[in-house]
Amino acid sequence: MSNKQRENSICNLPSLTSVNVHELLAIRREIAIVWCIEDVQYVRPDLSDVEAWAVLQSVSRNHDANFGVSWDTLEAVAESLFGPQDPSSESTE
């Protein structure tokens, strides 16, 4: 499988509509804030799905529970892993 095929397969995972993560957590009286690759790509549109996933994995392993995860966290970790965003690829929103 090529890198591009592997990258595309990540976006085409089957929907797990029968599983509600928040309901499962509620049973245990737990919560979770969910971030996805699209969130990473919102702050860094130049990153591929695989790169955005690497950002999320790093955030999960290294976040500071005193501060949580924010848009700034995603942006800082992306820059740490992949360097600053190329100004020509910045979002025009």
Protein backbone atom coordinates (compact mmCIF):
# COMPACT_ATOMS: atom_id res chain seq x y z
CA MET A 1 0.00 0.00 0.00
CA SER A 2 1.42 3.38 -0.97
CA ASN A 3 1.63 6.26 1.49
CA LYS A 4 -1.16 8.09 -0.36
CA GLN A 5 -3.44 5.01 -0.23
CA ARG A 6 -2.67 4.56 3.47
CA GLU A 7 -3.40 8.25 4.09
CA ASN A 8 -6.70 8.08 2.20
CA SER A 9 -7.78 4.93 4.04
CA ILE A 10 -7.63 6.81 7.35
CA CYS A 11 -10.37 9.16 6.14
CA ASN A 12 -12.57 6.29 4.96
CA LEU A 13 -12.93 4.37 8.20
CA PRO A 14 -16.42 2.98 8.76
CA SER A 15 -18.70 5.13 10.84
CA LEU A 16 -19.31 3.75 14.30
CA THR A 17 -22.79 5.21 14.68
CA SER A 18 -23.83 2.45 17.07
CA VAL A 19 -21.12 3.49 19.55
CA ASN A 20 -21.47 6.75 21.44
CA VAL A 21 -18.22 7.45 23.23
CA HIS A 22 -19.80 10.03 25.51
CA GLU A 23 -22.53 7.61 26.62
CA LEU A 24 -19.92 4.97 27.42
CA LEU A 25 -17.92 7.48 29.43
CA ALA A 26 -21.03 8.69 31.26
CA ILE A 27 -21.59 5.18 32.59
CA ARG A 28 -18.21 5.49 34.30
CA ARG A 29 -18.82 9.15 35.22
CA GLU A 30 -15.99 10.27 32.95
CA ILE A 31 -15.73 12.86 30.20
CA ALA A 32 -13.53 13.29 27.16
CA ILE A 33 -12.95 16.23 24.88
CA VAL A 34 -12.45 14.92 21.36
CA TRP A 35 -10.13 16.51 18.81
CA CYS A 36 -9.84 15.22 15.25
CA ILE A 37 -7.47 15.63 12.33
CA GLU A 38 -9.80 18.22 10.81
CA ASP A 39 -9.23 20.37 13.90
CA VAL A 40 -5.48 20.17 13.36
CA GLN A 41 -5.91 20.95 9.68
CA TYR A 42 -8.04 23.99 10.58
CA VAL A 43 -4.99 25.59 12.20
CA ARG A 44 -2.51 23.95 9.81
CA PRO A 45 -4.18 23.34 6.43
CA ASP A 46 -0.80 22.41 4.94
CA LEU A 47 -0.65 19.14 6.91
CA SER A 48 -1.77 15.81 5.48
CA ASP A 49 -4.13 13.50 7.35
CA VAL A 50 -1.16 11.41 8.49
CA GLU A 51 0.74 14.48 9.73
CA ALA A 52 -2.35 15.81 11.51
CA TRP A 53 -2.77 12.43 13.21
CA ALA A 54 0.87 12.59 14.35
CA VAL A 55 0.09 15.98 15.93
CA LEU A 56 -2.89 14.52 17.81
CA GLN A 57 -0.85 11.55 19.01
CA SER A 58 1.88 13.85 20.30
CA VAL A 59 -0.69 16.08 22.02
CA SER A 60 -2.22 13.03 23.68
CA ARG A 61 1.13 11.80 24.98
CA ASN A 62 2.53 15.15 26.07
CA HIS A 63 -0.25 17.56 27.03
CA ASP A 64 -0.17 19.38 30.35
CA ALA A 65 -3.31 18.57 32.33
CA ASN A 66 -3.02 21.94 34.09
CA PHE A 67 -3.66 23.74 30.80
CA GLY A 68 -5.55 21.20 28.69
CA VAL A 69 -5.57 21.20 24.90
CA SER A 70 -6.44 24.27 22.85
CA TRP A 71 -6.12 25.55 19.31
CA ASP A 72 -2.80 27.06 20.38
CA THR A 73 -1.66 23.64 21.60
CA LEU A 74 -2.43 22.04 18.24
CA GLU A 75 -0.63 24.83 16.41
CA ALA A 76 2.44 24.69 18.67
CA VAL A 77 2.78 20.91 18.44
CA ALA A 78 2.34 21.02 14.66
CA GLU A 79 5.11 23.60 14.44
CA SER A 80 7.32 21.55 16.74
CA LEU A 81 6.88 18.44 14.60
CA PHE A 82 6.71 19.93 11.09
CA GLY A 83 8.16 23.42 11.33
CA PRO A 84 6.33 26.68 10.74
CA GLN A 85 3.55 26.80 8.21
CA ASP A 86 4.56 27.99 4.76
CA PRO A 87 2.90 31.42 4.40
CA SER A 88 1.77 30.52 0.88
CA SER A 89 -0.34 27.65 2.26
CA GLU A 90 -2.07 29.62 5.04
CA SER A 91 -5.86 29.60 5.05
CA THR A 92 -7.53 32.71 3.66
CA GLU A 93 -10.57 32.42 5.97
